[in-house]
Structures are given as structure tokens and as C-alpha cells.
Amino acid sequence: MAVKASSTEGPGEQPSRDDAPQPRRTRSGAVIIGPSIAGRYRPGALIGLPLVSVLLSPFAGAGLQQWRRGRLGDGHDGLLEQLLAPAWTQLLVGAALLWALFALWGLIPVLVTHRVALLDEADGTLGLRRGLRVVDRARVAEVDYAVGEAERGSLALIGLQQAGGTSHQWVIPEIGWDSASFDGLRVLQGVAGLRPAPSRAVLVDLARSRRRVARDRELAARLGMPWHPCYEDDAVAFRTEFDRVRRVLGGQEPARPGDPKP
């Protein structure tokens, strides 16, 4: 398989200077192709896990209350026992403890499933990192193709054609996690002599537009409504005509020539 151009970009198109890739880099300056550990871990740790911790805080607060009663029963009445006397303090401390515990547990699967490629532009080398170890290496000159979708949940495929005719493929998960992750792939495409893809924002907008057009075409087909090319670029025009045809079919508005019959 040889793919020397990105299928998401037209012939002769190149990213503009304002659209230059801005990937993440390691401390040594290597380009990270794919999401970093912090990039994947941060949203869950700062948004998802705190919500779960707050919901479960009454259970943790009840545990702290029992612990405090046991301490008081043993004759301990220090500063910590006094701070945990109010119920709101027990809930707050319980939520914080749960968050710390969940955050530690949540880091383990991220580390286990973490897989990125590291591009050293100066040396022209690539490294495949799994977890915290580099498990495979290659040279940029051996890159046969580098493709990937820009939306979350997508994979990047890096094909390598090595000496002796052997070839294999690296799979980078979540290449569309964010713009920096996808920009790493775009940098590799440029360095390897492939046609760089447009920015992630452009490709995501294009994918959304295609889904919207497919959905509108299906709605038009259900009503027997003729499809006009202008609807592909003008969602408002389609929605206006779609609502009018619905009123016609419902007997609320007189039909025009070419309208479907009730």
C-alpha cells in the first residue's frame, strides 16, 4: 500500500502559513504524533472525576464520620477530629479523597494504552512509544504513507517500507483527540515528502458538513422533495424549503409546481 497524498485535500492544495502545524513536543524537541498522556488524562481528571467524586461524597463523608467517632471513642480529640466535626467538612474532604483515589486509578489505563510516535526532525528518525518505553524505531525515509482521520476516536496509520522489501504498519490511536495531536501527523507528512493534510478544524468542519448533507438528503427523500445542489452549502435554504413542503403535505399551504403530492 502506497499513499503519497492525503485523501482529504484537493490536488495542489497546501496548508497556508496561518494554518501551520503546532504539535506538542517532548523536552528534547521531538514532535509527538498523537495525544500526550497529559492531553488524554487532563479532561477526565479535571472534569469527569470531580463530578463522580461529588456524587459519591456522601458515602465518603459517612466513612469519615465513623472514623471520627472511633477516634473520639479512643480518647483522641485533636485538630483533625475538630476539623471533621461539621458535616460539610466531611463531605468536602470525602470528595477530595475520592477524587485523589479515582485520579490515581484513572492514570493507570491511560499509561497502559498510551501509544504515540516521536519524530526527531533533526536526525530524521521515528520512534514508536508504548506506555513509557520506545518499542520500535524507523527512519523518516522509510515512511511510505501516513494517514488519519481528524475526529475523536480515529486512528492514524504510518506505513513503513524498510530495506529488504519488508513492510509493517504503526497504529496510533486517538490521532484526532485534539489539534496538537493531529498536527503531529501533519508535520510527519511534510517531513516525509507527503502532501500535508489540512488542519483538524477544517477536516472536522468538512465531516460535519457531509453528515448534515447526508441527513438532509434523507429527509428530502422521505418527503419526495427534489434536491438542489445549493442545499449542500446552504442549510438555511434547505430547512426553509423543507418546512414549506411539510406545510404543503399537511394541507396548510397551497402546492407549487414540482411539489410532492400528499
Protein backbone atom coordinates (compact mmCIF):
# COMPACT_ATOMS: atom_id res chain seq x y z
CA MET A 1 0.00 0.00 0.00
CA ALA A 2 1.44 3.32 -1.04
CA VAL A 3 -0.33 6.51 -0.21
CA LYS A 4 1.67 9.57 -1.05
CA ALA A 5 -1.09 12.11 -0.51
CA SER A 6 -3.83 12.79 1.96
CA SER A 7 -7.26 11.92 0.61
CA THR A 8 -8.82 14.86 2.42
CA GLU A 9 -7.15 17.55 0.37
CA GLY A 10 -7.57 18.50 -3.25
CA PRO A 11 -4.77 18.40 -5.84
CA GLY A 12 -2.16 21.05 -5.44
CA GLU A 13 -3.56 22.40 -2.15
CA GLN A 14 -1.06 23.20 0.59
CA PRO A 15 -1.65 24.43 4.14
CA SER A 16 -1.42 28.19 4.46
CA ARG A 17 1.13 29.86 6.69
CA ASP A 18 -1.64 30.76 9.12
CA ASP A 19 -2.54 27.08 9.19
CA ALA A 20 0.94 25.86 10.07
CA PRO A 21 1.00 22.77 12.34
CA GLN A 22 1.57 23.39 16.03
CA PRO A 23 2.25 19.94 17.52
CA ARG A 24 3.27 19.04 21.02
CA ARG A 25 6.94 18.30 21.58
CA THR A 26 8.96 16.41 24.12
CA ARG A 27 11.55 18.14 26.27
CA SER A 28 14.19 17.13 23.73
CA GLY A 29 12.21 18.75 20.91
CA ALA A 30 10.79 15.62 19.26
CA VAL A 31 7.35 16.00 17.67
CA ILE A 32 4.64 13.94 19.37
CA ILE A 33 2.38 12.25 16.83
CA GLY A 34 -0.79 11.53 18.74
CA PRO A 35 -2.15 12.68 22.11
CA SER A 36 0.19 13.06 25.05
CA ILE A 37 -0.50 11.36 28.37
CA ALA A 38 -1.41 14.70 29.94
CA GLY A 39 -3.64 15.60 26.98
CA ARG A 40 -5.71 12.44 27.41
CA TYR A 41 -5.65 12.40 31.21
CA ARG A 42 -6.42 16.04 31.98
CA PRO A 43 -10.09 16.25 30.80
CA GLY A 44 -11.15 13.25 32.84
CA ALA A 45 -9.14 14.19 35.90
CA LEU A 46 -10.33 17.81 35.97
CA ILE A 47 -13.91 17.43 34.75
CA GLY A 48 -15.26 13.88 34.88
CA LEU A 49 -13.71 12.56 38.06
CA PRO A 50 -14.59 15.60 40.22
CA LEU A 51 -18.25 15.17 39.24
CA VAL A 52 -18.18 11.49 40.18
CA SER A 53 -16.43 12.33 43.45
CA VAL A 54 -19.07 14.91 44.37
CA LEU A 55 -21.88 12.44 43.66
CA LEU A 56 -20.24 9.79 45.85
CA SER A 57 -19.12 12.21 48.57
CA PRO A 58 -21.98 11.26 50.99
CA PHE A 59 -20.57 7.72 51.21
CA ALA A 60 -17.05 9.00 51.83
CA GLY A 61 -18.41 11.51 54.35
CA ALA A 62 -20.19 8.72 56.24
CA GLY A 63 -16.93 6.79 56.36
CA LEU A 64 -15.08 9.81 57.73
CA GLN A 65 -17.81 10.31 60.33
CA GLN A 66 -17.42 6.73 61.52
CA TRP A 67 -13.65 7.13 61.61
CA ARG A 68 -14.01 10.32 63.68
CA ARG A 69 -16.35 8.65 66.14
CA GLY A 70 -13.88 5.84 66.58
CA ARG A 71 -11.07 8.30 67.23
CA LEU A 72 -13.16 10.18 69.78
CA GLY A 73 -14.10 6.91 71.45
CA ASP A 74 -10.38 6.13 71.84
CA GLY A 75 -9.82 9.48 73.53
CA HIS A 76 -8.37 11.38 70.57
CA ASP A 77 -9.72 14.89 70.09
CA GLY A 78 -7.07 16.68 68.13
CA LEU A 79 -7.18 19.29 65.39
CA LEU A 80 -8.14 16.79 62.68
CA GLU A 81 -11.10 15.49 64.67
CA GLN A 82 -12.26 19.04 65.30
CA LEU A 83 -11.97 19.99 61.62
CA LEU A 84 -14.09 16.98 60.64
CA ALA A 85 -16.85 17.84 63.09
CA PRO A 86 -19.09 19.78 60.59
CA ALA A 87 -20.98 17.64 58.08
CA TRP A 88 -20.00 19.91 55.18
CA THR A 89 -16.33 19.39 56.03
CA GLN A 90 -16.80 15.62 55.96
CA LEU A 91 -18.43 15.87 52.53
CA LEU A 92 -15.74 18.16 51.18
CA VAL A 93 -12.85 16.08 52.49
CA GLY A 94 -14.56 12.89 51.34
CA ALA A 95 -14.97 14.24 47.81
CA ALA A 96 -11.31 15.31 47.75
CA LEU A 97 -10.14 11.88 48.91
CA LEU A 98 -12.31 10.13 46.33
CA TRP A 99 -11.01 12.39 43.59
CA ALA A 100 -7.41 11.64 44.55
CA LEU A 101 -8.12 7.90 44.58
CA PHE A 102 -10.00 7.93 41.27
CA ALA A 103 -7.35 10.13 39.67
CA LEU A 104 -4.65 7.64 40.63
CA TRP A 105 -6.68 4.71 39.31
CA GLY A 106 -7.57 6.61 36.13
CA LEU A 107 -3.92 7.24 35.33
CA ILE A 108 -3.16 3.51 35.10
CA PRO A 109 -5.28 2.69 31.99
CA VAL A 110 -4.04 5.86 30.29
CA LEU A 111 -0.44 4.76 30.80
CA VAL A 112 -1.18 1.19 29.68
CA THR A 113 -2.98 2.20 26.47
CA HIS A 114 -0.76 5.16 25.62
CA ARG A 115 0.81 4.88 22.17
CA VAL A 116 2.38 7.69 20.16
CA ALA A 117 5.11 8.16 17.58
CA LEU A 118 8.02 10.51 18.21
CA LEU A 119 9.56 12.36 15.27
CA ASP A 120 13.10 13.70 15.53
CA GLU A 121 13.27 16.15 12.65
CA ALA A 122 16.99 16.80 13.07
CA ASP A 123 18.01 13.12 12.86
CA GLY A 124 15.18 12.09 10.53
CA THR A 125 14.14 9.24 12.83
CA LEU A 126 10.87 7.93 14.25
CA GLY A 127 10.18 6.06 17.45
CA LEU A 128 7.04 4.18 18.48
CA ARG A 129 6.33 4.65 22.17
CA ARG A 130 4.04 2.36 24.14
CA GLY A 131 3.47 3.46 27.68
CA LEU A 132 6.79 4.96 28.75
CA ARG A 133 9.03 2.82 26.51
CA VAL A 134 10.10 3.16 22.88
CA VAL A 135 9.43 -0.27 21.35
CA ASP A 136 10.28 0.33 17.69
CA ARG A 137 12.33 2.71 15.57
CA ALA A 138 12.46 3.72 11.92
CA ARG A 139 13.79 6.42 9.64
CA VAL A 140 11.65 9.09 8.04
CA ALA A 141 12.90 7.95 4.61
CA GLU A 142 11.16 4.61 5.25
CA VAL A 143 7.71 6.20 5.67
CA ASP A 144 5.51 5.04 2.80
CA TYR A 145 2.25 6.61 3.97
CA ALA A 146 0.89 8.48 6.97
CA VAL A 147 -2.87 8.92 7.09
CA GLY A 148 -5.50 9.52 9.74
CA GLU A 149 -8.93 10.98 10.38
CA ALA A 150 -9.34 14.20 12.32
CA GLU A 151 -12.27 13.26 14.53
CA ARG A 152 -12.01 11.77 18.01
CA GLY A 153 -11.83 8.01 18.15
CA SER A 154 -9.92 7.84 14.87
CA LEU A 155 -6.64 6.05 14.18
CA ALA A 156 -3.52 7.12 12.35
CA LEU A 157 -1.70 4.61 10.17
CA ILE A 158 2.01 5.01 9.46
CA GLY A 159 3.29 2.57 6.86
CA LEU A 160 6.99 1.76 6.76
CA GLN A 161 8.84 0.24 3.80
CA GLN A 162 12.17 -1.00 5.10
CA ALA A 163 15.24 -2.48 3.49
CA GLY A 164 14.82 -5.93 2.02
CA GLY A 165 11.24 -5.26 0.94
CA THR A 166 9.78 -5.76 4.42
CA SER A 167 6.95 -3.50 5.41
CA HIS A 168 4.90 -3.01 8.53
CA GLN A 169 2.47 -0.51 9.96
CA TRP A 170 2.26 1.54 13.12
CA VAL A 171 -1.18 2.27 14.52
CA ILE A 172 -1.58 5.45 16.58
CA PRO A 173 -4.92 5.65 18.44
CA GLU A 174 -6.87 8.86 19.04
CA ILE A 175 -4.98 10.88 16.43
CA GLY A 176 -7.96 13.24 16.32
CA TRP A 177 -8.01 13.81 20.08
CA ASP A 178 -7.16 17.49 19.59
CA SER A 179 -5.47 19.81 17.12
CA ALA A 180 -1.98 19.33 18.56
CA SER A 181 -2.27 15.54 18.25
CA PHE A 182 -3.31 15.77 14.60
CA ASP A 183 -0.70 18.42 13.86
CA GLY A 184 1.99 15.90 14.78
CA LEU A 185 0.79 13.73 11.90
CA ARG A 186 0.76 16.74 9.58
CA VAL A 187 4.39 17.50 10.46
CA LEU A 188 5.36 13.92 9.68
CA GLN A 189 3.58 14.12 6.33
CA GLY A 190 5.54 17.22 5.39
CA VAL A 191 8.91 15.88 6.56
CA ALA A 192 8.34 12.55 4.76
CA GLY A 193 7.58 14.27 1.46
CA LEU A 194 3.84 13.54 1.57
CA ARG A 195 1.13 16.08 0.99
CA PRO A 196 0.20 17.55 4.40
CA ALA A 197 -3.46 17.35 5.34
CA PRO A 198 -5.45 20.46 6.22
CA SER A 199 -5.83 21.40 9.85
CA ARG A 200 -8.02 19.35 12.15
CA ALA A 201 -10.55 22.18 12.44
CA VAL A 202 -11.02 22.26 8.66
CA LEU A 203 -11.44 18.49 8.41
CA VAL A 204 -13.85 18.33 11.36
CA ASP A 205 -15.99 21.07 9.81
CA LEU A 206 -15.93 19.21 6.49
CA ALA A 207 -17.02 15.95 8.15
CA ARG A 208 -19.86 17.72 9.96
CA SER A 209 -20.97 19.32 6.71
CA ARG A 210 -21.00 15.94 4.97
CA ARG A 211 -23.08 14.41 7.76
CA ARG A 212 -25.50 17.32 7.60
CA VAL A 213 -25.89 16.97 3.83
CA ALA A 214 -26.46 13.21 4.15
CA ARG A 215 -29.10 13.79 6.81
CA ASP A 216 -30.84 16.50 4.77
CA ARG A 217 -30.83 14.29 1.67
CA GLU A 218 -32.52 11.54 3.66
CA LEU A 219 -35.17 13.94 4.96
CA ALA A 220 -35.80 15.26 1.46
CA ALA A 221 -36.16 11.71 0.10
CA ARG A 222 -38.72 10.84 2.76
CA LEU A 223 -40.93 13.72 1.64
CA GLY A 224 -40.29 13.19 -2.06
CA MET A 225 -38.80 16.68 -2.13
CA PRO A 226 -36.44 17.44 -5.04
CA TRP A 227 -32.81 18.02 -4.06
CA HIS A 228 -30.99 21.08 -5.37
CA PRO A 229 -27.18 21.47 -5.32
CA CYS A 230 -27.46 24.78 -3.47
CA TYR A 231 -28.71 22.92 -0.39
CA GLU A 232 -25.26 21.40 0.12
CA ASP A 233 -23.81 24.81 1.00
CA ASP A 234 -26.91 26.50 2.40
CA ALA A 235 -28.53 24.65 5.29
CA VAL A 236 -30.95 27.52 5.93
CA ALA A 237 -32.30 27.36 2.37
CA PHE A 238 -32.91 23.64 2.70
CA ARG A 239 -34.62 23.98 6.07
CA THR A 240 -36.86 26.76 4.76
CA GLU A 241 -37.92 24.72 1.73
CA PHE A 242 -38.26 21.57 3.83
CA ASP A 243 -40.64 23.30 6.26
CA ARG A 244 -42.66 24.70 3.36
CA VAL A 245 -43.03 21.27 1.77
CA ARG A 246 -44.15 19.85 5.11
CA ARG A 247 -46.84 22.51 5.32
CA VAL A 248 -47.91 21.68 1.77
CA LEU A 249 -48.18 17.98 2.58
CA GLY A 250 -50.12 18.85 5.71
CA GLY A 251 -52.62 20.87 3.75
CA GLN A 252 -51.65 24.14 5.41
CA GLU A 253 -50.23 25.80 2.30
CA PRO A 254 -51.03 25.58 -1.43
CA ALA A 255 -48.64 23.48 -3.52
CA ARG A 256 -46.29 24.89 -6.14
CA PRO A 257 -45.29 23.27 -9.41
CA GLY A 258 -42.95 20.33 -8.71
CA ASP A 259 -44.04 19.88 -5.10
CA PRO A 260 -44.73 16.33 -3.93
CA LYS A 261 -48.37 15.37 -3.59
CA PRO A 262 -49.93 14.47 -0.24
